[in-house]
Amino acid sequence: KRDSLPRYCIDCDVRFACNGECPKNRFLLTPDGEPGLNYLCAGYKTFF
């Protein structure tokens, strides 16, 4: 869960609270085209 985070998540300001959320939801591509972005990322980023 930690080791497979894409760079987009690693560099995110709210990673400390989100940590990429559940791996079951990580099926999107990041803006840079890297796999492993959480489907709910946009919502969680806005919320946190």
ModelCIF file with pLDDT and N, C-alpha, C, O atoms, coordinates in Angstrom:
data_MODEL
#
_entry.id   MODEL 
#
_entity.id                         1 
_entity.type                       polymer 
_entity.pdbx_number_of_molecules   1 
#
_entity_poly.entity_id                      1 
_entity_poly.type                           'polypeptide(L)' 
_entity_poly.nstd_linkage                   no 
_entity_poly.nstd_monomer                   no 
_entity_poly.pdbx_seq_one_letter_code       KRDSLPRYCIDCDVRFACNGECPKNRFLLTPDGEPGLNYLCAGYKTFF 
_entity_poly.pdbx_seq_one_letter_code_can   KRDSLPRYCIDCDVRFACNGECPKNRFLLTPDGEPGLNYLCAGYKTFF 
_entity_poly.pdbx_strand_id                 A 
#
loop_
_entity_poly_seq.entity_id 
_entity_poly_seq.num 
_entity_poly_seq.mon_id 
_entity_poly_seq.hetero 
1 1  LYS n 
1 2  ARG n 
1 3  ASP n 
1 4  SER n 
1 5  LEU n 
1 6  PRO n 
1 7  ARG n 
1 8  TYR n 
1 9  CYS n 
1 10 ILE n 
1 11 ASP n 
1 12 CYS n 
1 13 ASP n 
1 14 VAL n 
1 15 ARG n 
1 16 PHE n 
1 17 ALA n 
1 18 CYS n 
1 19 ASN n 
1 20 GLY n 
1 21 GLU n 
1 22 CYS n 
1 23 PRO n 
1 24 LYS n 
1 25 ASN n 
1 26 ARG n 
1 27 PHE n 
1 28 LEU n 
1 29 LEU n 
1 30 THR n 
1 31 PRO n 
1 32 ASP n 
1 33 GLY n 
1 34 GLU n 
1 35 PRO n 
1 36 GLY n 
1 37 LEU n 
1 38 ASN n 
1 39 TYR n 
1 40 LEU n 
1 41 CYS n 
1 42 ALA n 
1 43 GLY n 
1 44 TYR n 
1 45 LYS n 
1 46 THR n 
1 47 PHE n 
1 48 PHE n 
#
_struct_asym.id          A 
_struct_asym.entity_id   1 
#
loop_
_ma_qa_metric.id 
_ma_qa_metric.mode 
_ma_qa_metric.name 
_ma_qa_metric.software_group_id 
_ma_qa_metric.type 
1 global pLDDT . pLDDT 
2 local  pLDDT . pLDDT 
#
_ma_qa_metric_global.metric_id      1 
_ma_qa_metric_global.metric_value   96.35 
_ma_qa_metric_global.model_id       1 
_ma_qa_metric_global.ordinal_id     1 
#
loop_
_ma_qa_metric_local.label_asym_id 
_ma_qa_metric_local.label_comp_id 
_ma_qa_metric_local.label_seq_id 
_ma_qa_metric_local.metric_id 
_ma_qa_metric_local.metric_value 
_ma_qa_metric_local.model_id 
_ma_qa_metric_local.ordinal_id 
A LYS 1  2 97.00 1 1  
A ARG 2  2 97.00 1 2  
A ASP 3  2 97.00 1 3  
A SER 4  2 96.00 1 4  
A LEU 5  2 97.00 1 5  
A PRO 6  2 97.00 1 6  
A ARG 7  2 97.00 1 7  
A TYR 8  2 97.00 1 8  
A CYS 9  2 97.00 1 9  
A ILE 10 2 97.00 1 10 
A ASP 11 2 97.00 1 11 
A CYS 12 2 97.00 1 12 
A ASP 13 2 97.00 1 13 
A VAL 14 2 97.00 1 14 
A ARG 15 2 97.00 1 15 
A PHE 16 2 97.00 1 16 
A ALA 17 2 97.00 1 17 
A CYS 18 2 97.00 1 18 
A ASN 19 2 97.00 1 19 
A GLY 20 2 97.00 1 20 
A GLU 21 2 97.00 1 21 
A CYS 22 2 96.00 1 22 
A PRO 23 2 95.00 1 23 
A LYS 24 2 94.00 1 24 
A ASN 25 2 94.00 1 25 
A ARG 26 2 95.00 1 26 
A PHE 27 2 93.00 1 27 
A LEU 28 2 94.00 1 28 
A LEU 29 2 94.00 1 29 
A THR 30 2 96.00 1 30 
A PRO 31 2 95.00 1 31 
A ASP 32 2 94.00 1 32 
A GLY 33 2 95.00 1 33 
A GLU 34 2 96.00 1 34 
A PRO 35 2 95.00 1 35 
A GLY 36 2 95.00 1 36 
A LEU 37 2 96.00 1 37 
A ASN 38 2 97.00 1 38 
A TYR 39 2 96.00 1 39 
A LEU 40 2 97.00 1 40 
A CYS 41 2 97.00 1 41 
A ALA 42 2 97.00 1 42 
A GLY 43 2 98.00 1 43 
A TYR 44 2 98.00 1 44 
A LYS 45 2 98.00 1 45 
A THR 46 2 98.00 1 46 
A PHE 47 2 98.00 1 47 
A PHE 48 2 98.00 1 48 
#
loop_
_atom_site.group_PDB 
_atom_site.id 
_atom_site.type_symbol 
_atom_site.label_atom_id 
_atom_site.label_alt_id 
_atom_site.label_comp_id 
_atom_site.label_asym_id 
_atom_site.label_entity_id 
_atom_site.label_seq_id 
_atom_site.pdbx_PDB_ins_code 
_atom_site.Cartn_x 
_atom_site.Cartn_y 
_atom_site.Cartn_z 
_atom_site.occupancy 
_atom_site.B_iso_or_equiv 
_atom_site.pdbx_formal_charge 
_atom_site.auth_seq_id 
_atom_site.auth_comp_id 
_atom_site.auth_asym_id 
_atom_site.auth_atom_id 
_atom_site.pdbx_PDB_model_num 
ATOM 1   N N  . LYS A 1 1  ? 0.831   -1.203 0.000   1.00 97.00 ? 1  LYS A N  1 
ATOM 2   C CA . LYS A 1 1  ? 0.000   0.000  0.000   1.00 97.00 ? 1  LYS A CA 1 
ATOM 3   C C  . LYS A 1 1  ? 0.865   1.251  0.000   1.00 97.00 ? 1  LYS A C  1 
ATOM 4   O O  . LYS A 1 1  ? 0.581   2.207  -0.723  1.00 97.00 ? 1  LYS A O  1 
ATOM 5   N N  . ARG A 1 2  ? 1.914   1.248  0.805   1.00 97.00 ? 2  ARG A N  1 
ATOM 6   C CA . ARG A 1 2  ? 2.836   2.377  0.882   1.00 97.00 ? 2  ARG A CA 1 
ATOM 7   C C  . ARG A 1 2  ? 3.817   2.384  -0.281  1.00 97.00 ? 2  ARG A C  1 
ATOM 8   O O  . ARG A 1 2  ? 4.071   3.428  -0.883  1.00 97.00 ? 2  ARG A O  1 
ATOM 9   N N  . ASP A 1 3  ? 4.361   1.229  -0.590  1.00 97.00 ? 3  ASP A N  1 
ATOM 10  C CA . ASP A 1 3  ? 5.447   1.151  -1.552  1.00 97.00 ? 3  ASP A CA 1 
ATOM 11  C C  . ASP A 1 3  ? 5.006   1.330  -2.993  1.00 97.00 ? 3  ASP A C  1 
ATOM 12  O O  . ASP A 1 3  ? 5.834   1.607  -3.861  1.00 97.00 ? 3  ASP A O  1 
ATOM 13  N N  . SER A 1 4  ? 3.697   1.176  -3.269  1.00 96.00 ? 4  SER A N  1 
ATOM 14  C CA . SER A 1 4  ? 3.214   1.286  -4.649  1.00 96.00 ? 4  SER A CA 1 
ATOM 15  C C  . SER A 1 4  ? 2.577   2.630  -4.952  1.00 96.00 ? 4  SER A C  1 
ATOM 16  O O  . SER A 1 4  ? 2.018   2.814  -6.033  1.00 96.00 ? 4  SER A O  1 
ATOM 17  N N  . LEU A 1 5  ? 2.651   3.580  -4.014  1.00 97.00 ? 5  LEU A N  1 
ATOM 18  C CA . LEU A 1 5  ? 2.067   4.891  -4.267  1.00 97.00 ? 5  LEU A CA 1 
ATOM 19  C C  . LEU A 1 5  ? 2.729   5.567  -5.467  1.00 97.00 ? 5  LEU A C  1 
ATOM 20  O O  . LEU A 1 5  ? 3.956   5.588  -5.561  1.00 97.00 ? 5  LEU A O  1 
ATOM 21  N N  . PRO A 1 6  ? 1.944   6.112  -6.373  1.00 97.00 ? 6  PRO A N  1 
ATOM 22  C CA . PRO A 1 6  ? 2.551   6.859  -7.483  1.00 97.00 ? 6  PRO A CA 1 
ATOM 23  C C  . PRO A 1 6  ? 3.158   8.162  -6.994  1.00 97.00 ? 6  PRO A C  1 
ATOM 24  O O  . PRO A 1 6  ? 2.814   8.642  -5.914  1.00 97.00 ? 6  PRO A O  1 
ATOM 25  N N  . ARG A 1 7  ? 4.042   8.728  -7.767  1.00 97.00 ? 7  ARG A N  1 
ATOM 26  C CA . ARG A 1 7  ? 4.717   9.962  -7.396  1.00 97.00 ? 7  ARG A CA 1 
ATOM 27  C C  . ARG A 1 7  ? 3.723   11.081 -7.113  1.00 97.00 ? 7  ARG A C  1 
ATOM 28  O O  . ARG A 1 7  ? 3.964   11.913 -6.238  1.00 97.00 ? 7  ARG A O  1 
ATOM 29  N N  . TYR A 1 8  ? 2.625   11.113 -7.834  1.00 97.00 ? 8  TYR A N  1 
ATOM 30  C CA . TYR A 1 8  ? 1.590   12.135 -7.642  1.00 97.00 ? 8  TYR A CA 1 
ATOM 31  C C  . TYR A 1 8  ? 1.076   12.109 -6.207  1.00 97.00 ? 8  TYR A C  1 
ATOM 32  O O  . TYR A 1 8  ? 0.807   13.162 -5.628  1.00 97.00 ? 8  TYR A O  1 
ATOM 33  N N  . CYS A 1 9  ? 0.938   10.926 -5.631  1.00 97.00 ? 9  CYS A N  1 
ATOM 34  C CA . CYS A 1 9  ? 0.483   10.788 -4.243  1.00 97.00 ? 9  CYS A CA 1 
ATOM 35  C C  . CYS A 1 9  ? 1.599   11.093 -3.258  1.00 97.00 ? 9  CYS A C  1 
ATOM 36  O O  . CYS A 1 9  ? 1.373   11.741 -2.236  1.00 97.00 ? 9  CYS A O  1 
ATOM 37  N N  . ILE A 1 10 ? 2.789   10.632 -3.562  1.00 97.00 ? 10 ILE A N  1 
ATOM 38  C CA . ILE A 1 10 ? 3.921   10.853 -2.667  1.00 97.00 ? 10 ILE A CA 1 
ATOM 39  C C  . ILE A 1 10 ? 4.164   12.344 -2.455  1.00 97.00 ? 10 ILE A C  1 
ATOM 40  O O  . ILE A 1 10 ? 4.522   12.767 -1.356  1.00 97.00 ? 10 ILE A O  1 
ATOM 41  N N  . ASP A 1 11 ? 3.970   13.139 -3.506  1.00 97.00 ? 11 ASP A N  1 
ATOM 42  C CA . ASP A 1 11 ? 4.222   14.572 -3.437  1.00 97.00 ? 11 ASP A CA 1 
ATOM 43  C C  . ASP A 1 11 ? 3.002   15.377 -2.971  1.00 97.00 ? 11 ASP A C  1 
ATOM 44  O O  . ASP A 1 11 ? 3.078   16.601 -2.866  1.00 97.00 ? 11 ASP A O  1 
ATOM 45  N N  . CYS A 1 12 ? 1.895   14.713 -2.696  1.00 97.00 ? 12 CYS A N  1 
ATOM 46  C CA . CYS A 1 12 ? 0.644   15.403 -2.352  1.00 97.00 ? 12 CYS A CA 1 
ATOM 47  C C  . CYS A 1 12 ? 0.708   15.985 -0.936  1.00 97.00 ? 12 CYS A C  1 
ATOM 48  O O  . CYS A 1 12 ? 1.243   15.354 -0.023  1.00 97.00 ? 12 CYS A O  1 
ATOM 49  N N  . ASP A 1 13 ? 0.165   17.178 -0.762  1.00 97.00 ? 13 ASP A N  1 
ATOM 50  C CA . ASP A 1 13 ? 0.184   17.849 0.541   1.00 97.00 ? 13 ASP A CA 1 
ATOM 51  C C  . ASP A 1 13 ? -0.651  17.135 1.598   1.00 97.00 ? 13 ASP A C  1 
ATOM 52  O O  . ASP A 1 13 ? -0.400  17.301 2.792   1.00 97.00 ? 13 ASP A O  1 
ATOM 53  N N  . VAL A 1 14 ? -1.634  16.350 1.185   1.00 97.00 ? 14 VAL A N  1 
ATOM 54  C CA . VAL A 1 14 ? -2.502  15.679 2.162   1.00 97.00 ? 14 VAL A CA 1 
ATOM 55  C C  . VAL A 1 14 ? -2.213  14.182 2.244   1.00 97.00 ? 14 VAL A C  1 
ATOM 56  O O  . VAL A 1 14 ? -3.026  13.417 2.763   1.00 97.00 ? 14 VAL A O  1 
ATOM 57  N N  . ARG A 1 15 ? -1.075  13.772 1.742   1.00 97.00 ? 15 ARG A N  1 
ATOM 58  C CA . ARG A 1 15 ? -0.733  12.352 1.822   1.00 97.00 ? 15 ARG A CA 1 
ATOM 59  C C  . ARG A 1 15 ? -0.736  11.859 3.269   1.00 97.00 ? 15 ARG A C  1 
ATOM 60  O O  . ARG A 1 15 ? -1.138  10.726 3.532   1.00 97.00 ? 15 ARG A O  1 
ATOM 61  N N  . PHE A 1 16 ? -0.296  12.691 4.204   1.00 97.00 ? 16 PHE A N  1 
ATOM 62  C CA . PHE A 1 16 ? -0.194  12.271 5.603   1.00 97.00 ? 16 PHE A CA 1 
ATOM 63  C C  . PHE A 1 16 ? -1.547  11.846 6.169   1.00 97.00 ? 16 PHE A C  1 
ATOM 64  O O  . PHE A 1 16 ? -1.601  11.057 7.112   1.00 97.00 ? 16 PHE A O  1 
ATOM 65  N N  . ALA A 1 17 ? -2.631  12.358 5.605   1.00 97.00 ? 17 ALA A N  1 
ATOM 66  C CA . ALA A 1 17 ? -3.970  12.015 6.087   1.00 97.00 ? 17 ALA A CA 1 
ATOM 67  C C  . ALA A 1 17 ? -4.641  10.956 5.234   1.00 97.00 ? 17 ALA A C  1 
ATOM 68  O O  . ALA A 1 17 ? -5.481  10.201 5.723   1.00 97.00 ? 17 ALA A O  1 
ATOM 69  N N  . CYS A 1 18 ? -4.282  10.896 3.978   1.00 97.00 ? 18 CYS A N  1 
ATOM 70  C CA . CYS A 1 18 ? -4.946  10.000 3.029   1.00 97.00 ? 18 CYS A CA 1 
ATOM 71  C C  . CYS A 1 18 ? -4.183  8.705  2.783   1.00 97.00 ? 18 CYS A C  1 
ATOM 72  O O  . CYS A 1 18 ? -4.754  7.615  2.819   1.00 97.00 ? 18 CYS A O  1 
ATOM 73  N N  . ASN A 1 19 ? -2.873  8.844  2.530   1.00 97.00 ? 19 ASN A N  1 
ATOM 74  C CA . ASN A 1 19 ? -2.017  7.689  2.221   1.00 97.00 ? 19 ASN A CA 1 
ATOM 75  C C  . ASN A 1 19 ? -2.529  6.850  1.056   1.00 97.00 ? 19 ASN A C  1 
ATOM 76  O O  . ASN A 1 19 ? -2.339  5.635  1.011   1.00 97.00 ? 19 ASN A O  1 
ATOM 77  N N  . GLY A 1 20 ? -3.188  7.534  0.109   1.00 97.00 ? 20 GLY A N  1 
ATOM 78  C CA . GLY A 1 20 ? -3.666  6.822  -1.069  1.00 97.00 ? 20 GLY A CA 1 
ATOM 79  C C  . GLY A 1 20 ? -4.956  6.071  -0.863  1.00 97.00 ? 20 GLY A C  1 
ATOM 80  O O  . GLY A 1 20 ? -5.436  5.395  -1.773  1.00 97.00 ? 20 GLY A O  1 
ATOM 81  N N  . GLU A 1 21 ? -5.529  6.181  0.329   1.00 97.00 ? 21 GLU A N  1 
ATOM 82  C CA . GLU A 1 21 ? -6.761  5.477  0.716   1.00 97.00 ? 21 GLU A CA 1 
ATOM 83  C C  . GLU A 1 21 ? -6.626  3.980  0.404   1.00 97.00 ? 21 GLU A C  1 
ATOM 84  O O  . GLU A 1 21 ? -5.510  3.465  0.341   1.00 97.00 ? 21 GLU A O  1 
ATOM 85  N N  . CYS A 1 22 ? -7.730  3.290  0.212   1.00 96.00 ? 22 CYS A N  1 
ATOM 86  C CA . CYS A 1 22 ? -7.691  1.829  0.086   1.00 96.00 ? 22 CYS A CA 1 
ATOM 87  C C  . CYS A 1 22 ? -7.172  1.381  -1.283  1.00 96.00 ? 22 CYS A C  1 
ATOM 88  O O  . CYS A 1 22 ? -7.591  1.926  -2.304  1.00 96.00 ? 22 CYS A O  1 
ATOM 89  N N  . PRO A 1 23 ? -6.268  0.398  -1.320  1.00 95.00 ? 23 PRO A N  1 
ATOM 90  C CA . PRO A 1 23 ? -5.762  -0.105 -2.598  1.00 95.00 ? 23 PRO A CA 1 
ATOM 91  C C  . PRO A 1 23 ? -6.840  -0.616 -3.541  1.00 95.00 ? 23 PRO A C  1 
ATOM 92  O O  . PRO A 1 23 ? -6.637  -0.646 -4.755  1.00 95.00 ? 23 PRO A O  1 
ATOM 93  N N  . LYS A 1 24 ? -7.987  -1.019 -2.996  1.00 94.00 ? 24 LYS A N  1 
ATOM 94  C CA . LYS A 1 24 ? -9.048  -1.529 -3.884  1.00 94.00 ? 24 LYS A CA 1 
ATOM 95  C C  . LYS A 1 24 ? -9.575  -0.440 -4.815  1.00 94.00 ? 24 LYS A C  1 
ATOM 96  O O  . LYS A 1 24 ? -10.175 -0.741 -5.847  1.00 94.00 ? 24 LYS A O  1 
ATOM 97  N N  . ASN A 1 25 ? -9.355  0.824  -4.453  1.00 94.00 ? 25 ASN A N  1 
ATOM 98  C CA . ASN A 1 25 ? -9.850  1.930  -5.267  1.00 94.00 ? 25 ASN A CA 1 
ATOM 99  C C  . ASN A 1 25 ? -8.786  2.559  -6.148  1.00 94.00 ? 25 ASN A C  1 
ATOM 100 O O  . ASN A 1 25 ? -9.046  3.578  -6.789  1.00 94.00 ? 25 ASN A O  1 
ATOM 101 N N  . ARG A 1 26 ? -7.600  1.980  -6.196  1.00 95.00 ? 26 ARG A N  1 
ATOM 102 C CA . ARG A 1 26 ? -6.505  2.590  -6.956  1.00 95.00 ? 26 ARG A CA 1 
ATOM 103 C C  . ARG A 1 26 ? -6.454  2.047  -8.383  1.00 95.00 ? 26 ARG A C  1 
ATOM 104 O O  . ARG A 1 26 ? -5.612  1.209  -8.708  1.00 95.00 ? 26 ARG A O  1 
ATOM 105 N N  . PHE A 1 27 ? -7.345  2.524  -9.213  1.00 93.00 ? 27 PHE A N  1 
ATOM 106 C CA . PHE A 1 27 ? -7.361  2.008  -10.580 1.00 93.00 ? 27 PHE A CA 1 
ATOM 107 C C  . PHE A 1 27 ? -7.365  3.106  -11.639 1.00 93.00 ? 27 PHE A C  1 
ATOM 108 O O  . PHE A 1 27 ? -7.647  2.839  -12.807 1.00 93.00 ? 27 PHE A O  1 
ATOM 109 N N  . LEU A 1 28 ? -7.052  4.339  -11.238 1.00 94.00 ? 28 LEU A N  1 
ATOM 110 C CA . LEU A 1 28 ? -6.935  5.419  -12.213 1.00 94.00 ? 28 LEU A CA 1 
ATOM 111 C C  . LEU A 1 28 ? -5.472  5.698  -12.522 1.00 94.00 ? 28 LEU A C  1 
ATOM 112 O O  . LEU A 1 28 ? -4.572  5.254  -11.809 1.00 94.00 ? 28 LEU A O  1 
ATOM 113 N N  . LEU A 1 29 ? -5.255  6.440  -13.596 1.00 94.00 ? 29 LEU A N  1 
ATOM 114 C CA . LEU A 1 29 ? -3.919  6.929  -13.923 1.00 94.00 ? 29 LEU A CA 1 
ATOM 115 C C  . LEU A 1 29 ? -3.765  8.342  -13.377 1.00 94.00 ? 29 LEU A C  1 
ATOM 116 O O  . LEU A 1 29 ? -4.720  9.119  -13.377 1.00 94.00 ? 29 LEU A O  1 
ATOM 117 N N  . THR A 1 30 ? -2.576  8.670  -12.915 1.00 96.00 ? 30 THR A N  1 
ATOM 118 C CA . THR A 1 30 ? -2.300  10.029 -12.455 1.00 96.00 ? 30 THR A CA 1 
ATOM 119 C C  . THR A 1 30 ? -2.244  10.964 -13.658 1.00 96.00 ? 30 THR A C  1 
ATOM 120 O O  . THR A 1 30 ? -2.224  10.490 -14.794 1.00 96.00 ? 30 THR A O  1 
ATOM 121 N N  . PRO A 1 31 ? -2.218  12.291 -13.438 1.00 95.00 ? 31 PRO A N  1 
ATOM 122 C CA . PRO A 1 31 ? -2.075  13.220 -14.564 1.00 95.00 ? 31 PRO A CA 1 
ATOM 123 C C  . PRO A 1 31 ? -0.830  12.960 -15.399 1.00 95.00 ? 31 PRO A C  1 
ATOM 124 O O  . PRO A 1 31 ? -0.780  13.325 -16.573 1.00 95.00 ? 31 PRO A O  1 
ATOM 125 N N  . ASP A 1 32 ? 0.180   12.328 -14.794 1.00 94.00 ? 32 ASP A N  1 
ATOM 126 C CA . ASP A 1 32 ? 1.409   12.002 -15.524 1.00 94.00 ? 32 ASP A CA 1 
ATOM 127 C C  . ASP A 1 32 ? 1.356   10.632 -16.197 1.00 94.00 ? 32 ASP A C  1 
ATOM 128 O O  . ASP A 1 32 ? 2.326   10.203 -16.822 1.00 94.00 ? 32 ASP A O  1 
ATOM 129 N N  . GLY A 1 33 ? 0.215   9.946  -16.066 1.00 95.00 ? 33 GLY A N  1 
ATOM 130 C CA . GLY A 1 33 ? 0.059   8.653  -16.709 1.00 95.00 ? 33 GLY A CA 1 
ATOM 131 C C  . GLY A 1 33 ? 0.546   7.474  -15.899 1.00 95.00 ? 33 GLY A C  1 
ATOM 132 O O  . GLY A 1 33 ? 0.644   6.363  -16.421 1.00 95.00 ? 33 GLY A O  1 
ATOM 133 N N  . GLU A 1 34 ? 0.858   7.698  -14.612 1.00 96.00 ? 34 GLU A N  1 
ATOM 134 C CA . GLU A 1 34 ? 1.320   6.605  -13.755 1.00 96.00 ? 34 GLU A CA 1 
ATOM 135 C C  . GLU A 1 34 ? 0.118   5.888  -13.148 1.00 96.00 ? 34 GLU A C  1 
ATOM 136 O O  . GLU A 1 34 ? -0.812  6.547  -12.681 1.00 96.00 ? 34 GLU A O  1 
ATOM 137 N N  . PRO A 1 35 ? 0.114   4.567  -13.142 1.00 95.00 ? 35 PRO A N  1 
ATOM 138 C CA . PRO A 1 35 ? -1.029  3.841  -12.570 1.00 95.00 ? 35 PRO A CA 1 
ATOM 139 C C  . PRO A 1 35 ? -1.033  3.903  -11.044 1.00 95.00 ? 35 PRO A C  1 
ATOM 140 O O  . PRO A 1 35 ? -0.007  4.159  -10.414 1.00 95.00 ? 35 PRO A O  1 
ATOM 141 N N  . GLY A 1 36 ? -2.212  3.662  -10.465 1.00 95.00 ? 36 GLY A N  1 
ATOM 142 C CA . GLY A 1 36 ? -2.314  3.550  -9.022  1.00 95.00 ? 36 GLY A CA 1 
ATOM 143 C C  . GLY A 1 36 ? -2.978  4.709  -8.321  1.00 95.00 ? 36 GLY A C  1 
ATOM 144 O O  . GLY A 1 36 ? -2.917  4.799  -7.095  1.00 95.00 ? 36 GLY A O  1 
ATOM 145 N N  . LEU A 1 37 ? -3.619  5.613  -9.070  1.00 96.00 ? 37 LEU A N  1 
ATOM 146 C CA . LEU A 1 37 ? -4.312  6.735  -8.437  1.00 96.00 ? 37 LEU A CA 1 
ATOM 147 C C  . LEU A 1 37 ? -5.682  6.275  -7.948  1.00 96.00 ? 37 LEU A C  1 
ATOM 148 O O  . LEU A 1 37 ? -6.390  5.550  -8.646  1.00 96.00 ? 37 LEU A O  1 
ATOM 149 N N  . ASN A 1 38 ? -6.042  6.699  -6.756  1.00 97.00 ? 38 ASN A N  1 
ATOM 150 C CA . ASN A 1 38 ? -7.321  6.307  -6.170  1.00 97.00 ? 38 ASN A CA 1 
ATOM 151 C C  . ASN A 1 38 ? -8.476  6.984  -6.895  1.00 97.00 ? 38 ASN A C  1 
ATOM 152 O O  . ASN A 1 38 ? -8.407  8.166  -7.232  1.00 97.00 ? 38 ASN A O  1 
ATOM 153 N N  . TYR A 1 39 ? -9.529  6.228  -7.127  1.00 96.00 ? 39 TYR A N  1 
ATOM 154 C CA . TYR A 1 39 ? -10.716 6.751  -7.808  1.00 96.00 ? 39 TYR A CA 1 
ATOM 155 C C  . TYR A 1 39 ? -11.297 7.959  -7.082  1.00 96.00 ? 39 TYR A C  1 
ATOM 156 O O  . TYR A 1 39 ? -11.807 8.877  -7.724  1.00 96.00 ? 39 TYR A O  1 
ATOM 157 N N  . LEU A 1 40 ? -11.225 7.971  -5.752  1.00 97.00 ? 40 LEU A N  1 
ATOM 158 C CA . LEU A 1 40 ? -11.816 9.040  -4.947  1.00 97.00 ? 40 LEU A CA 1 
ATOM 159 C C  . LEU A 1 40 ? -10.836 10.172 -4.640  1.00 97.00 ? 40 LEU A C  1 
ATOM 160 O O  . LEU A 1 40 ? -11.127 11.036 -3.813  1.00 97.00 ? 40 LEU A O  1 
ATOM 161 N N  . CYS A 1 41 ? -9.686  10.173 -5.296  1.00 97.00 ? 41 CYS A N  1 
ATOM 162 C CA . CYS A 1 41 ? -8.618  11.119 -4.992  1.00 97.00 ? 41 CYS A CA 1 
ATOM 163 C C  . CYS A 1 41 ? -9.105  12.565 -5.004  1.00 97.00 ? 41 CYS A C  1 
ATOM 164 O O  . CYS A 1 41 ? -8.853  13.298 -4.048  1.00 97.00 ? 41 CYS A O  1 
ATOM 165 N N  . ALA A 1 42 ? -9.783  12.985 -6.040  1.00 97.00 ? 42 ALA A N  1 
ATOM 166 C CA . ALA A 1 42 ? -10.198 14.386 -6.163  1.00 97.00 ? 42 ALA A CA 1 
ATOM 167 C C  . ALA A 1 42 ? -11.068 14.806 -4.982  1.00 97.00 ? 42 ALA A C  1 
ATOM 168 O O  . ALA A 1 42 ? -10.916 15.907 -4.451  1.00 97.00 ? 42 ALA A O  1 
ATOM 169 N N  . GLY A 1 43 ? -11.974 13.929 -4.576  1.00 98.00 ? 43 GLY A N  1 
ATOM 170 C CA . GLY A 1 43 ? -12.838 14.239 -3.446  1.00 98.00 ? 43 GLY A CA 1 
ATOM 171 C C  . GLY A 1 43 ? -12.082 14.315 -2.138  1.00 98.00 ? 43 GLY A C  1 
ATOM 172 O O  . GLY A 1 43 ? -12.287 15.236 -1.348  1.00 98.00 ? 43 GLY A O  1 
ATOM 173 N N  . TYR A 1 44 ? -11.202 13.342 -1.905  1.00 98.00 ? 44 TYR A N  1 
ATOM 174 C CA . TYR A 1 44 ? -10.434 13.331 -0.665  1.00 98.00 ? 44 TYR A CA 1 
ATOM 175 C C  . TYR A 1 44 ? -9.484  14.523 -0.594  1.00 98.00 ? 44 TYR A C  1 
ATOM 176 O O  . TYR A 1 44 ? -9.320  15.120 0.470   1.00 98.00 ? 44 TYR A O  1 
ATOM 177 N N  . LYS A 1 45 ? -8.863  14.871 -1.706  1.00 98.00 ? 45 LYS A N  1 
ATOM 178 C CA . LYS A 1 45 ? -7.921  15.989 -1.699  1.00 98.00 ? 45 LYS A CA 1 
ATOM 179 C C  . LYS A 1 45 ? -8.646  17.292 -1.347  1.00 98.00 ? 45 LYS A C  1 
ATOM 180 O O  . LYS A 1 45 ? -8.138  18.100 -0.570  1.00 98.00 ? 45 LYS A O  1 
ATOM 181 N N  . THR A 1 46 ? -9.832  17.487 -1.922  1.00 98.00 ? 46 THR A N  1 
ATOM 182 C CA . THR A 1 46 ? -10.624 18.675 -1.611  1.00 98.00 ? 46 THR A CA 1 
ATOM 183 C C  . THR A 1 46 ? -11.043 18.679 -0.146  1.00 98.00 ? 46 THR A C  1 
ATOM 184 O O  . THR A 1 46 ? -10.975 19.712 0.521   1.00 98.00 ? 46 THR A O  1 
ATOM 185 N N  . PHE A 1 47 ? -11.475 17.529 0.353   1.00 98.00 ? 47 PHE A N  1 
ATOM 186 C CA . PHE A 1 47 ? -11.947 17.413 1.732   1.00 98.00 ? 47 PHE A CA 1 
ATOM 187 C C  . PHE A 1 47 ? -10.825 17.680 2.732   1.00 98.00 ? 47 PHE A C  1 
ATOM 188 O O  . PHE A 1 47 ? -10.984 18.506 3.631   1.00 98.00 ? 47 PHE A O  1 
ATOM 189 N N  . PHE A 1 48 ? -9.689  16.989 2.585   1.00 98.00 ? 48 PHE A N  1 
ATOM 190 C CA . PHE A 1 48 ? -8.601  17.157 3.545   1.00 98.00 ? 48 PHE A CA 1 
ATOM 191 C C  . PHE A 1 48 ? -8.019  18.570 3.500   1.00 98.00 ? 48 PHE A C  1 
ATOM 192 O O  . PHE A 1 48 ? -7.091  18.880 4.247   1.00 98.00 ? 48 PHE A O  1 
#
